[in-house]
C-alpha cells in the first residue's frame, strides 16, 4: 500500500514537472523581446463571442475587436468603444488583466497552481487548478511546436474559452501599447483611475 501511495505521488510530481516544462517552452515562445501577434476568438462568460487580433510584448498588449480597441502599456489601460466613441482610462487589477489578455496566464502558472498534463494527438493539454485564485481552473492546449491553441479559464462568473490562431513573431514598437489621442480626436476620454 505504501508503494502504491509513493508511486502515485511520484507520478503526480512527474506530470506536474512535465506540465511546467511545456508551459515554460510555450511562455518562451510568446515572450519575445520584439513582440508577437495572433488572432483570437473569445466565447462564454456572459460576453457572447468576440473575435479580433492581439499584439503582445512582455506584459503589454493591444487587442482589437470589431467593437473595441484596448491598449495596455504595463500600467495603464485604455479601452476605446467604437459604438460610444469614448475611451475609458484605468489601472486594471491583476484579475481584470487576466480576463482581457489571453496570454496573462503565462506568468500565473508559476505560483499557486497544481498542474498536470496529458498528451493528445496534436500536442499537450495542461490542466491547472488554483485555490483562492480569481482563475480557479484552466485547460491549455499547446501544439507540438509549443504554440498555444486554446485556453479555457474558470472564473467566478463561469467558463471562458479563448481560441488562438495565426500566432507569429513580429517586431512591435512600444508606442503600439499606448493610446494616442491624436488618432481619435473626437473621442471622449473618461479617466477612471
N, C-alpha and C. Protein backbone atom coordinates (compact mmCIF):
# COMPACT_ATOMS: atom_id res chain seq x y z
N UNK A 1 0.83 -1.19 0.00
CA UNK A 1 0.00 0.00 0.00
C UNK A 1 0.87 1.25 0.00
N UNK A 2 1.94 1.23 0.81
CA UNK A 2 2.86 2.36 0.86
C UNK A 2 3.52 2.58 -0.49
N UNK A 3 3.88 1.50 -1.18
CA UNK A 3 4.48 1.61 -2.51
C UNK A 3 3.51 2.23 -3.51
N UNK A 4 2.24 1.86 -3.42
CA UNK A 4 1.23 2.43 -4.31
C UNK A 4 1.09 3.93 -4.08
N UNK A 5 1.09 4.36 -2.82
CA UNK A 5 0.99 5.78 -2.49
C UNK A 5 2.22 6.52 -3.01
N UNK A 6 3.40 5.96 -2.78
CA UNK A 6 4.64 6.59 -3.27
C UNK A 6 4.67 6.67 -4.78
N UNK A 7 4.22 5.61 -5.45
CA UNK A 7 4.19 5.60 -6.92
C UNK A 7 3.24 6.67 -7.44
N UNK A 8 2.06 6.78 -6.82
CA UNK A 8 1.08 7.79 -7.23
C UNK A 8 1.62 9.20 -7.01
N UNK A 9 2.25 9.44 -5.86
CA UNK A 9 2.81 10.76 -5.57
C UNK A 9 3.94 11.10 -6.54
N UNK A 10 4.79 10.11 -6.84
CA UNK A 10 5.89 10.33 -7.79
C UNK A 10 5.35 10.59 -9.19
N UNK A 11 4.33 9.83 -9.59
CA UNK A 11 3.72 10.02 -10.91
C UNK A 11 3.11 11.42 -11.04
N UNK A 12 2.40 11.87 -9.98
CA UNK A 12 1.80 13.21 -9.99
C UNK A 12 2.88 14.29 -10.08
N UNK A 13 3.96 14.11 -9.31
CA UNK A 13 5.07 15.09 -9.33
C UNK A 13 5.71 15.14 -10.71
N UNK A 14 5.86 13.99 -11.36
CA UNK A 14 6.44 13.95 -12.71
C UNK A 14 5.53 14.66 -13.71
N UNK A 15 4.22 14.42 -13.61
CA UNK A 15 3.27 15.10 -14.52
C UNK A 15 3.29 16.60 -14.31
N UNK A 16 3.40 17.04 -13.05
CA UNK A 16 3.48 18.47 -12.76
C UNK A 16 4.77 19.06 -13.33
N UNK A 17 5.88 18.35 -13.18
CA UNK A 17 7.16 18.83 -13.73
C UNK A 17 7.10 18.87 -15.26
N UNK A 18 6.49 17.87 -15.88
CA UNK A 18 6.34 17.86 -17.34
C UNK A 18 5.46 19.02 -17.80
N UNK A 19 4.37 19.26 -17.08
CA UNK A 19 3.46 20.36 -17.42
C UNK A 19 4.20 21.69 -17.34
N UNK A 20 4.99 21.88 -16.28
CA UNK A 20 5.75 23.12 -16.11
C UNK A 20 6.75 23.32 -17.26
N UNK A 21 7.43 22.26 -17.66
CA UNK A 21 8.40 22.35 -18.77
C UNK A 21 7.70 22.77 -20.06
N UNK A 22 6.54 22.19 -20.32
CA UNK A 22 5.79 22.53 -21.54
C UNK A 22 5.33 23.99 -21.48
N UNK A 23 4.80 24.41 -20.34
CA UNK A 23 4.37 25.81 -20.19
C UNK A 23 5.55 26.78 -20.29
N UNK A 24 6.70 26.39 -19.73
CA UNK A 24 7.90 27.23 -19.84
C UNK A 24 8.29 27.43 -21.31
N UNK A 25 8.22 26.36 -22.10
CA UNK A 25 8.56 26.45 -23.53
C UNK A 25 7.55 27.31 -24.29
N UNK A 26 6.26 27.13 -23.96
CA UNK A 26 5.22 27.94 -24.61
C UNK A 26 5.37 29.41 -24.23
N UNK A 27 5.68 29.69 -22.95
CA UNK A 27 5.87 31.06 -22.50
C UNK A 27 7.07 31.70 -23.19
N UNK A 28 8.15 30.95 -23.35
CA UNK A 28 9.34 31.48 -24.02
C UNK A 28 9.03 31.83 -25.48
N UNK A 29 8.17 31.04 -26.10
CA UNK A 29 7.80 31.30 -27.50
C UNK A 29 6.98 32.59 -27.63
N UNK A 30 6.17 32.89 -26.62
CA UNK A 30 5.31 34.07 -26.64
C UNK A 30 6.05 35.32 -26.17
N UNK A 31 6.87 35.18 -25.14
CA UNK A 31 7.54 36.32 -24.53
C UNK A 31 8.78 36.74 -25.31
N UNK A 32 8.58 37.12 -26.53
CA UNK A 32 9.68 37.58 -27.37
C UNK A 32 9.95 39.05 -27.12
N UNK A 33 11.20 39.43 -27.07
CA UNK A 33 11.55 40.83 -26.80
C UNK A 33 11.00 41.77 -27.86
N UNK A 34 10.91 41.30 -29.11
CA UNK A 34 10.43 42.16 -30.19
C UNK A 34 8.91 42.19 -30.26
N UNK A 35 8.24 41.12 -29.77
CA UNK A 35 6.79 41.08 -29.78
C UNK A 35 6.24 39.95 -30.63
N UNK A 36 4.91 39.79 -30.56
CA UNK A 36 4.22 38.75 -31.31
C UNK A 36 2.78 39.19 -31.54
N UNK A 37 2.13 38.53 -32.49
CA UNK A 37 0.73 38.82 -32.76
C UNK A 37 -0.02 37.50 -32.98
N UNK A 38 -1.34 37.55 -32.82
CA UNK A 38 -2.18 36.38 -33.04
C UNK A 38 -3.62 36.84 -33.24
N UNK A 39 -4.42 35.96 -33.83
CA UNK A 39 -5.86 36.17 -33.91
C UNK A 39 -6.49 35.39 -32.76
N UNK A 40 -7.63 35.84 -32.27
CA UNK A 40 -8.30 35.15 -31.18
C UNK A 40 -9.81 35.23 -31.32
N UNK A 41 -10.49 34.27 -30.71
CA UNK A 41 -11.94 34.27 -30.56
C UNK A 41 -12.22 33.90 -29.11
N UNK A 42 -12.96 34.77 -28.41
CA UNK A 42 -13.32 34.54 -27.01
C UNK A 42 -14.82 34.25 -26.95
N UNK A 43 -15.18 33.18 -26.24
CA UNK A 43 -16.60 32.85 -26.05
C UNK A 43 -16.86 32.56 -24.58
N UNK A 44 -18.12 32.76 -24.18
CA UNK A 44 -18.54 32.44 -22.83
C UNK A 44 -18.49 33.62 -21.90
N UNK A 45 -18.65 33.29 -20.60
CA UNK A 45 -18.52 34.29 -19.56
C UNK A 45 -19.52 35.43 -19.73
N UNK A 46 -20.71 35.13 -20.24
CA UNK A 46 -21.79 36.10 -20.44
C UNK A 46 -21.43 37.21 -21.42
N UNK A 47 -20.38 37.02 -22.21
CA UNK A 47 -19.97 38.07 -23.14
C UNK A 47 -20.26 37.72 -24.59
N UNK A 48 -20.84 36.55 -24.82
CA UNK A 48 -21.09 36.14 -26.19
C UNK A 48 -19.78 35.72 -26.84
N UNK A 49 -19.62 36.08 -28.10
CA UNK A 49 -18.41 35.73 -28.85
C UNK A 49 -17.79 37.00 -29.40
N UNK A 50 -16.49 37.13 -29.21
CA UNK A 50 -15.75 38.26 -29.76
C UNK A 50 -14.50 37.73 -30.45
N UNK A 51 -14.21 38.26 -31.62
CA UNK A 51 -13.01 37.87 -32.35
C UNK A 51 -12.17 39.11 -32.60
N UNK A 52 -10.87 38.89 -32.74
CA UNK A 52 -10.01 40.01 -33.00
C UNK A 52 -8.56 39.61 -33.16
N UNK A 53 -7.70 40.61 -33.00
CA UNK A 53 -6.26 40.44 -33.13
C UNK A 53 -5.61 41.00 -31.88
N UNK A 54 -4.55 40.34 -31.43
CA UNK A 54 -3.82 40.83 -30.27
C UNK A 54 -2.34 40.95 -30.64
N UNK A 55 -1.73 42.01 -30.13
CA UNK A 55 -0.29 42.24 -30.26
C UNK A 55 0.24 42.25 -28.83
N UNK A 56 1.29 41.50 -28.57
CA UNK A 56 1.84 41.41 -27.22
C UNK A 56 3.34 41.62 -27.23
N UNK A 57 3.81 42.15 -26.12
CA UNK A 57 5.25 42.35 -25.93
C UNK A 57 5.47 42.42 -24.43
N UNK A 58 6.02 41.36 -23.85
CA UNK A 58 6.15 41.31 -22.40
C UNK A 58 4.77 41.32 -21.78
N UNK A 59 4.53 42.21 -20.81
CA UNK A 59 3.20 42.29 -20.18
C UNK A 59 2.32 43.34 -20.85
N UNK A 60 2.75 43.87 -21.97
CA UNK A 60 1.97 44.88 -22.71
C UNK A 60 1.13 44.18 -23.77
N UNK A 61 -0.03 44.77 -24.08
CA UNK A 61 -0.83 44.22 -25.17
C UNK A 61 -1.70 45.28 -25.81
N UNK A 62 -2.09 44.98 -27.04
CA UNK A 62 -3.02 45.80 -27.81
C UNK A 62 -3.97 44.80 -28.45
N UNK A 63 -5.24 44.82 -28.03
CA UNK A 63 -6.25 43.90 -28.56
C UNK A 63 -7.29 44.69 -29.33
N UNK A 64 -7.65 44.16 -30.50
CA UNK A 64 -8.61 44.84 -31.37
C UNK A 64 -9.73 43.90 -31.76
N UNK A 65 -10.97 44.33 -31.50
CA UNK A 65 -12.15 43.58 -31.94
C UNK A 65 -13.00 44.53 -32.79
N UNK A 66 -14.11 44.03 -33.28
CA UNK A 66 -14.99 44.89 -34.09
C UNK A 66 -15.66 45.96 -33.23
N UNK A 67 -15.74 45.75 -31.91
CA UNK A 67 -16.41 46.68 -31.01
C UNK A 67 -15.48 47.63 -30.27
N UNK A 68 -14.24 47.20 -30.05
CA UNK A 68 -13.37 47.98 -29.16
C UNK A 68 -11.90 47.76 -29.50
N UNK A 69 -11.09 48.67 -28.97
CA UNK A 69 -9.64 48.55 -29.05
C UNK A 69 -9.12 48.77 -27.63
N UNK A 70 -8.21 47.89 -27.19
CA UNK A 70 -7.60 48.01 -25.86
C UNK A 70 -6.10 48.17 -26.01
N UNK A 71 -5.57 49.11 -25.25
CA UNK A 71 -4.13 49.31 -25.15
C UNK A 71 -3.76 49.12 -23.70
N UNK A 72 -2.68 48.41 -23.43
CA UNK A 72 -2.18 48.27 -22.06
C UNK A 72 -0.66 48.35 -22.12
N UNK A 73 -0.09 49.35 -21.45
CA UNK A 73 1.35 49.59 -21.53
C UNK A 73 2.13 49.02 -20.34
N UNK A 74 1.47 48.15 -19.57
CA UNK A 74 2.12 47.57 -18.40
C UNK A 74 1.64 48.19 -17.11
N UNK A 75 0.97 49.34 -17.20
CA UNK A 75 0.44 50.02 -16.02
C UNK A 75 -0.95 50.58 -16.29
N UNK A 76 -1.09 51.32 -17.37
CA UNK A 76 -2.35 51.99 -17.70
C UNK A 76 -3.03 51.27 -18.85
N UNK A 77 -4.37 51.21 -18.77
CA UNK A 77 -5.15 50.60 -19.83
C UNK A 77 -6.13 51.63 -20.40
N UNK A 78 -6.25 51.64 -21.72
CA UNK A 78 -7.21 52.47 -22.43
C UNK A 78 -8.12 51.54 -23.21
N UNK A 79 -9.43 51.75 -23.10
CA UNK A 79 -10.39 50.95 -23.87
C UNK A 79 -11.24 51.92 -24.67
N UNK A 80 -11.13 51.80 -25.99
CA UNK A 80 -11.89 52.66 -26.90
C UNK A 80 -13.13 51.90 -27.37
N UNK A 81 -14.31 52.44 -27.08
CA UNK A 81 -15.57 51.87 -27.54
C UNK A 81 -15.95 52.55 -28.85
N UNK A 82 -15.98 51.78 -29.91
CA UNK A 82 -16.31 52.35 -31.23
C UNK A 82 -17.75 52.85 -31.25
N UNK A 83 -18.66 52.13 -30.61
CA UNK A 83 -20.07 52.48 -30.60
C UNK A 83 -20.31 53.83 -29.91
N UNK A 84 -19.64 54.06 -28.77
CA UNK A 84 -19.85 55.28 -27.99
C UNK A 84 -18.84 56.37 -28.30
N UNK A 85 -17.82 56.05 -29.06
CA UNK A 85 -16.73 56.97 -29.38
C UNK A 85 -16.15 57.58 -28.10
N UNK A 86 -15.87 56.67 -27.12
CA UNK A 86 -15.27 57.12 -25.88
C UNK A 86 -14.15 56.18 -25.46
N UNK A 87 -13.23 56.73 -24.68
CA UNK A 87 -12.08 55.97 -24.19
C UNK A 87 -12.11 55.99 -22.67
N UNK A 88 -12.13 54.80 -22.07
CA UNK A 88 -12.04 54.68 -20.62
C UNK A 88 -10.60 54.38 -20.25
N UNK A 89 -10.05 55.18 -19.34
CA UNK A 89 -8.67 55.02 -18.89
C UNK A 89 -8.70 54.46 -17.48
N UNK A 90 -7.93 53.39 -17.23
CA UNK A 90 -7.93 52.77 -15.90
C UNK A 90 -6.58 52.13 -15.61
N UNK A 91 -6.42 51.75 -14.36
CA UNK A 91 -5.28 50.95 -13.93
C UNK A 91 -5.88 49.62 -13.48
N UNK A 92 -5.90 48.61 -14.37
CA UNK A 92 -6.61 47.37 -14.06
C UNK A 92 -5.91 46.53 -13.00
N UNK A 93 -6.73 45.82 -12.23
CA UNK A 93 -6.20 44.88 -11.24
C UNK A 93 -5.68 43.66 -11.99
N UNK A 94 -4.98 42.80 -11.28
CA UNK A 94 -4.44 41.58 -11.90
C UNK A 94 -5.57 40.72 -12.45
N UNK A 95 -6.68 40.60 -11.71
CA UNK A 95 -7.78 39.76 -12.21
C UNK A 95 -8.45 40.39 -13.43
N UNK A 96 -8.53 41.72 -13.49
CA UNK A 96 -9.08 42.37 -14.68
C UNK A 96 -8.18 42.14 -15.88
N UNK A 97 -6.87 42.19 -15.69
CA UNK A 97 -5.94 41.93 -16.78
C UNK A 97 -6.10 40.51 -17.30
N UNK A 98 -6.31 39.57 -16.40
CA UNK A 98 -6.44 38.17 -16.78
C UNK A 98 -7.62 37.94 -17.71
N UNK A 99 -8.70 38.67 -17.49
CA UNK A 99 -9.88 38.46 -18.31
C UNK A 99 -9.78 39.16 -19.65
N UNK A 100 -8.79 40.03 -19.84
CA UNK A 100 -8.67 40.79 -21.08
C UNK A 100 -7.52 40.34 -21.97
N UNK A 101 -6.48 39.79 -21.38
CA UNK A 101 -5.30 39.41 -22.15
C UNK A 101 -5.18 37.89 -22.16
N UNK A 102 -5.38 37.25 -23.32
CA UNK A 102 -5.33 35.79 -23.38
C UNK A 102 -3.99 35.19 -22.96
N UNK A 103 -2.96 35.99 -22.91
CA UNK A 103 -1.64 35.46 -22.58
C UNK A 103 -1.21 35.75 -21.15
N UNK A 104 -2.07 36.37 -20.34
CA UNK A 104 -1.72 36.68 -18.96
C UNK A 104 -1.39 35.43 -18.16
N UNK A 105 -2.05 34.32 -18.47
CA UNK A 105 -1.83 33.10 -17.71
C UNK A 105 -0.40 32.60 -17.79
N UNK A 106 0.37 33.10 -18.75
CA UNK A 106 1.74 32.63 -18.92
C UNK A 106 2.63 32.93 -17.73
N UNK A 107 2.24 33.86 -16.90
CA UNK A 107 3.01 34.08 -15.68
C UNK A 107 2.27 33.53 -14.46
N UNK A 108 0.97 33.30 -14.57
CA UNK A 108 0.17 32.82 -13.45
C UNK A 108 0.53 31.42 -13.01
N UNK A 109 0.84 30.55 -13.93
CA UNK A 109 1.04 29.14 -13.61
C UNK A 109 2.23 28.91 -12.67
N UNK A 110 3.10 29.89 -12.56
CA UNK A 110 4.33 29.71 -11.78
C UNK A 110 4.11 29.71 -10.27
N UNK A 111 2.97 30.24 -9.82
CA UNK A 111 2.71 30.29 -8.37
C UNK A 111 1.26 29.93 -8.07
N UNK A 112 1.08 29.01 -7.15
CA UNK A 112 -0.25 28.75 -6.61
C UNK A 112 -1.15 27.84 -7.42
N UNK A 113 -0.62 27.13 -8.40
CA UNK A 113 -1.44 26.22 -9.19
C UNK A 113 -0.87 24.82 -9.16
N UNK A 114 -1.75 23.83 -8.98
CA UNK A 114 -1.38 22.44 -9.19
C UNK A 114 -1.60 22.16 -10.66
N UNK A 115 -0.69 21.41 -11.27
CA UNK A 115 -0.81 21.19 -12.70
C UNK A 115 -0.54 19.75 -13.08
N UNK A 116 -1.13 19.37 -14.20
CA UNK A 116 -0.89 18.06 -14.78
C UNK A 116 -0.96 18.21 -16.30
N UNK A 117 -0.51 17.18 -17.00
CA UNK A 117 -0.50 17.22 -18.45
C UNK A 117 -0.95 15.88 -19.00
N UNK A 118 -1.68 15.94 -20.10
CA UNK A 118 -1.99 14.74 -20.86
C UNK A 118 -1.61 15.02 -22.31
N UNK A 119 -1.13 14.00 -22.98
CA UNK A 119 -0.69 14.15 -24.36
C UNK A 119 -1.84 13.81 -25.28
N UNK A 120 -2.04 14.65 -26.30
CA UNK A 120 -3.07 14.42 -27.31
C UNK A 120 -2.38 14.17 -28.65
N UNK A 121 -3.15 13.83 -29.65
CA UNK A 121 -2.58 13.58 -30.98
C UNK A 121 -1.91 14.83 -31.54
N UNK A 122 -2.44 16.00 -31.18
CA UNK A 122 -1.90 17.24 -31.74
C UNK A 122 -0.92 17.97 -30.81
N UNK A 123 -0.75 17.47 -29.57
CA UNK A 123 0.17 18.15 -28.66
C UNK A 123 -0.08 17.80 -27.22
N UNK A 124 -0.33 18.82 -26.40
CA UNK A 124 -0.46 18.64 -24.95
C UNK A 124 -1.66 19.41 -24.42
N UNK A 125 -2.31 18.83 -23.42
CA UNK A 125 -3.35 19.56 -22.69
C UNK A 125 -2.88 19.69 -21.24
N UNK A 126 -2.71 20.93 -20.81
CA UNK A 126 -2.28 21.22 -19.46
C UNK A 126 -3.52 21.57 -18.64
N UNK A 127 -3.62 21.01 -17.43
CA UNK A 127 -4.74 21.30 -16.54
C UNK A 127 -4.16 21.97 -15.30
N UNK A 128 -4.64 23.16 -14.98
CA UNK A 128 -4.20 23.92 -13.81
C UNK A 128 -5.37 24.11 -12.85
N UNK A 129 -5.12 23.92 -11.57
CA UNK A 129 -6.13 24.16 -10.53
C UNK A 129 -5.49 25.03 -9.47
N UNK A 130 -6.15 26.16 -9.17
CA UNK A 130 -5.64 27.09 -8.16
C UNK A 130 -6.64 27.29 -7.05
N UNK A 131 -6.17 27.32 -5.84
CA UNK A 131 -7.06 27.57 -4.69
C UNK A 131 -7.02 29.04 -4.33
N UNK A 132 -8.21 29.65 -4.19
CA UNK A 132 -8.28 31.04 -3.80
C UNK A 132 -7.81 32.00 -4.88
N UNK A 133 -7.83 31.57 -6.12
CA UNK A 133 -7.38 32.39 -7.25
C UNK A 133 -8.60 32.91 -8.01
N UNK A 134 -8.44 34.06 -8.68
CA UNK A 134 -9.55 34.59 -9.47
C UNK A 134 -9.83 33.67 -10.67
N UNK A 135 -8.79 33.00 -11.16
CA UNK A 135 -8.98 31.95 -12.16
C UNK A 135 -8.72 30.64 -11.42
N UNK A 136 -9.80 29.91 -11.11
CA UNK A 136 -9.66 28.73 -10.26
C UNK A 136 -9.23 27.48 -11.03
N UNK A 137 -9.47 27.48 -12.34
CA UNK A 137 -9.13 26.30 -13.13
C UNK A 137 -8.87 26.72 -14.57
N UNK A 138 -7.91 26.05 -15.21
CA UNK A 138 -7.59 26.33 -16.61
C UNK A 138 -7.24 25.05 -17.34
N UNK A 139 -7.58 25.01 -18.61
CA UNK A 139 -7.11 23.98 -19.53
C UNK A 139 -6.41 24.72 -20.66
N UNK A 140 -5.21 24.31 -20.99
CA UNK A 140 -4.44 24.98 -22.03
C UNK A 140 -4.01 23.94 -23.06
N UNK A 141 -4.40 24.14 -24.32
CA UNK A 141 -3.97 23.25 -25.40
C UNK A 141 -2.76 23.86 -26.08
N UNK A 142 -1.69 23.08 -26.15
CA UNK A 142 -0.43 23.53 -26.73
C UNK A 142 -0.02 22.51 -27.78
N UNK A 143 0.27 22.98 -29.00
CA UNK A 143 0.64 22.02 -30.04
C UNK A 143 2.08 21.54 -29.88
N UNK A 144 2.51 20.65 -30.76
CA UNK A 144 3.83 20.04 -30.64
C UNK A 144 4.98 21.02 -30.83
N UNK A 145 4.69 22.17 -31.45
CA UNK A 145 5.73 23.20 -31.61
C UNK A 145 5.67 24.22 -30.47
N UNK A 146 4.89 23.92 -29.43
CA UNK A 146 4.74 24.75 -28.22
C UNK A 146 4.01 26.07 -28.50
N UNK A 147 3.13 26.06 -29.48
CA UNK A 147 2.26 27.20 -29.75
C UNK A 147 0.93 26.96 -29.03
N UNK A 148 0.46 27.96 -28.32
CA UNK A 148 -0.80 27.85 -27.58
C UNK A 148 -1.95 27.98 -28.57
N UNK A 149 -2.86 27.01 -28.51
CA UNK A 149 -4.00 26.97 -29.43
C UNK A 149 -5.32 27.34 -28.76
N UNK A 150 -5.44 27.00 -27.47
CA UNK A 150 -6.70 27.27 -26.78
C UNK A 150 -6.45 27.40 -25.28
N UNK A 151 -7.20 28.30 -24.65
CA UNK A 151 -7.16 28.47 -23.20
C UNK A 151 -8.61 28.50 -22.72
N UNK A 152 -8.93 27.62 -21.76
CA UNK A 152 -10.24 27.64 -21.11
C UNK A 152 -10.00 28.03 -19.66
N UNK A 153 -10.69 29.08 -19.20
CA UNK A 153 -10.50 29.58 -17.85
C UNK A 153 -11.82 29.59 -17.09
N UNK A 154 -11.79 29.11 -15.85
CA UNK A 154 -12.96 29.16 -14.99
C UNK A 154 -12.78 30.30 -14.01
N UNK A 155 -13.70 31.27 -14.09
CA UNK A 155 -13.68 32.40 -13.18
C UNK A 155 -14.97 32.39 -12.37
N UNK A 156 -15.14 33.38 -11.52
CA UNK A 156 -16.32 33.44 -10.65
C UNK A 156 -17.62 33.39 -11.45
N UNK A 157 -17.64 34.04 -12.61
CA UNK A 157 -18.88 34.10 -13.39
C UNK A 157 -18.93 33.09 -14.52
N UNK A 158 -18.14 32.02 -14.46
CA UNK A 158 -18.26 30.94 -15.43
C UNK A 158 -17.00 30.70 -16.26
N UNK A 159 -17.15 29.87 -17.25
CA UNK A 159 -16.04 29.48 -18.12
C UNK A 159 -15.91 30.42 -19.31
N UNK A 160 -14.68 30.69 -19.69
CA UNK A 160 -14.38 31.48 -20.88
C UNK A 160 -13.39 30.67 -21.71
N UNK A 161 -13.63 30.59 -23.02
CA UNK A 161 -12.74 29.87 -23.92
C UNK A 161 -12.12 30.85 -24.90
N UNK A 162 -10.81 30.77 -25.04
CA UNK A 162 -10.08 31.62 -25.98
C UNK A 162 -9.39 30.71 -26.98
N UNK A 163 -9.80 30.79 -28.24
CA UNK A 163 -9.13 30.06 -29.31
C UNK A 163 -8.14 31.00 -29.98
N UNK A 164 -6.93 30.51 -30.20
CA UNK A 164 -5.84 31.34 -30.73
C UNK A 164 -5.35 30.75 -32.03
N UNK A 165 -5.16 31.61 -33.04
CA UNK A 165 -4.66 31.15 -34.34
C UNK A 165 -3.70 32.19 -34.92
N UNK A 166 -2.98 31.79 -35.93
CA UNK A 166 -2.06 32.67 -36.67
C UNK A 166 -1.03 33.37 -35.78
N UNK A 167 -0.53 32.65 -34.77
CA UNK A 167 0.49 33.22 -33.91
C UNK A 167 1.78 33.41 -34.70
N UNK A 168 2.39 34.60 -34.58
CA UNK A 168 3.67 34.82 -35.25
C UNK A 168 4.49 35.88 -34.53
N UNK A 169 5.78 35.70 -34.58
CA UNK A 169 6.71 36.70 -34.04
C UNK A 169 6.72 37.89 -34.97
N UNK A 170 6.70 39.09 -34.39
CA UNK A 170 6.74 40.30 -35.19
C UNK A 170 7.32 41.42 -34.35
N UNK A 171 7.95 42.36 -34.99
CA UNK A 171 8.54 43.49 -34.26
C UNK A 171 7.47 44.55 -34.04
N UNK A 172 7.27 44.91 -32.77
CA UNK A 172 6.22 45.87 -32.42
C UNK A 172 6.84 47.00 -31.61
N UNK A 173 6.54 48.22 -32.00
CA UNK A 173 7.02 49.40 -31.28
C UNK A 173 6.27 49.54 -29.95
N UNK A 174 6.94 50.02 -28.91
CA UNK A 174 6.29 50.24 -27.62
C UNK A 174 5.12 51.22 -27.72
N UNK A 175 5.15 52.11 -28.69
CA UNK A 175 4.06 53.09 -28.84
C UNK A 175 2.73 52.41 -29.22
N UNK A 176 2.78 51.17 -29.72
CA UNK A 176 1.55 50.45 -30.09
C UNK A 176 0.72 50.06 -28.87
N UNK A 177 1.27 50.20 -27.67
CA UNK A 177 0.59 49.78 -26.46
C UNK A 177 0.07 50.96 -25.63
N UNK A 178 0.11 52.14 -26.21
CA UNK A 178 -0.36 53.35 -25.54
C UNK A 178 -1.35 54.07 -26.45
N UNK A 179 -2.47 54.47 -25.89
CA UNK A 179 -3.49 55.21 -26.63
C UNK A 179 -2.92 56.56 -27.09
N UNK A 180 -3.15 56.90 -28.35
CA UNK A 180 -2.72 58.19 -28.89
C UNK A 180 -3.97 59.00 -29.21
N UNK A 181 -4.23 60.03 -28.43
CA UNK A 181 -5.44 60.85 -28.58
C UNK A 181 -5.53 61.50 -29.96
N UNK A 182 -4.40 61.75 -30.60
CA UNK A 182 -4.40 62.37 -31.93
C UNK A 182 -5.09 61.48 -32.97
N UNK A 183 -5.06 60.16 -32.74
CA UNK A 183 -5.71 59.23 -33.67
C UNK A 183 -7.23 59.20 -33.51
N UNK A 184 -7.73 59.71 -32.38
CA UNK A 184 -9.16 59.71 -32.07
C UNK A 184 -9.55 61.08 -31.53
N UNK A 185 -9.45 62.13 -32.34
CA UNK A 185 -9.63 63.50 -31.85
C UNK A 185 -11.03 63.81 -31.32
N UNK A 186 -12.05 63.09 -31.78
CA UNK A 186 -13.41 63.37 -31.33
C UNK A 186 -13.88 62.46 -30.20
N UNK A 187 -13.03 61.53 -29.77
CA UNK A 187 -13.42 60.59 -28.71
C UNK A 187 -13.41 61.30 -27.36
N UNK A 188 -14.41 60.97 -26.54
CA UNK A 188 -14.46 61.49 -25.17
C UNK A 188 -13.59 60.59 -24.31
N UNK A 189 -12.68 61.18 -23.54
CA UNK A 189 -11.78 60.43 -22.69
C UNK A 189 -12.29 60.51 -21.25
N UNK A 190 -12.55 59.33 -20.65
CA UNK A 190 -13.07 59.24 -19.29
C UNK A 190 -12.00 58.57 -18.43
N UNK A 191 -11.44 59.33 -17.49
CA UNK A 191 -10.36 58.82 -16.64
C UNK A 191 -10.97 58.18 -15.40
N UNK A 192 -10.82 56.86 -15.27
CA UNK A 192 -11.41 56.11 -14.14
C UNK A 192 -10.38 55.76 -13.08
N UNK A 193 -9.20 56.32 -13.19
CA UNK A 193 -8.13 55.99 -12.21
C UNK A 193 -8.37 56.68 -10.89
